Amino acid sequence: MRSASKPKRARPSEDRRRVILPDGRLDIDIELDLIAVGILDVKAVGDRVIRRADQTGARADQPISGLAQLGIGFPDLESEVSNLGAWDGDLLPAQQVTIEVPRAIEIANVENEVAELLHVHDVQNSRVVDPLVFTVRWPVRGYELDSLGHVNNSVYLSWAEEVATEHAEAAGYGRDWSASRGGGWIIRKTEITYHRPAVYGDEVELTVRVELVRGARGVRRTTIHRIADRELLAEVLTEWVWVRLSDGRPMAAPRELVELAAAVTASTLAKRRAR
């Protein structure tokens, strides 16, 4: 838009968030320094782009509060500015009219707020794995076979240790978590019951369940099935001891683990008493 009279430009020392209105009614030049915002942020500003303050008793020498206030919202700015001439009554002679910018300040804070929300989301989802039950699958590998073509007996124990380690890491109670509490789990006792042999080409499913955490002791039971026919191949019962890293001596497991397994511990003890 062009004006018959040359608009007054804001001096460098002046607030550049202002609109300079020349004499005249219909045509104005506008110079704005606006912050860059994204499309989603623009929508948050609102759809009332320009509003007119109460001009009752307005005079040429009246303070800025008596002027037409421009509440600038970014959507549809061009079309709304072009309609300034449709207001009833003449605009006052060229004066500085303050642009309202509080929503722009709110938009500037969106990035920080989103970052905090994402952090909370990450914390809440860092332990999505059930800390008491965990299942994995993998194929039988050639180097795990014995001279008869069956999975070697010792391999089942390695599998039980591997799935226990994966479970602890996935649930958020792995090596780093344990080290930060000055301890860690070691195997004290293992019982393996073999039902059917696994052979090369089989894919197996291993499910580990925590059955007890009490004092310095922990008990896990691992079942191993062949996926093709759901045949139970083996059960591995492992008793673990929580030891102090500094000297390897047994110590009470972290209270968080004891409380986490309280229900299954009570169930396991009840079954033992009923035998």
Foldseek 3Di string as FASTA:
>chain_A
DDDPDDWDDDDPVDDQQWFWAAPDQQDGDGDHDDDDDDPVLLVVLDDPAFDFDDQVPPDLPDPLVNFGAGAHRPPPRVVVVNCRSVDPDGHHHTDIHHYDDPSVVVRVCPVVVVVVVVVVVCVVCQQVAQLFKDKDKDFDDPVQADPVQFRDPVVVVVVVVVRNQVSCVSRVNHDVVQVVVQKDKDWDDKDKDFDATDGHPWMKMKMKGWQAADWQKTKIKIWIAGPVVRHTGMIMITIMGIAGPVPRHGGGDDPVVRVSNVVSNVVNVVVVVVD
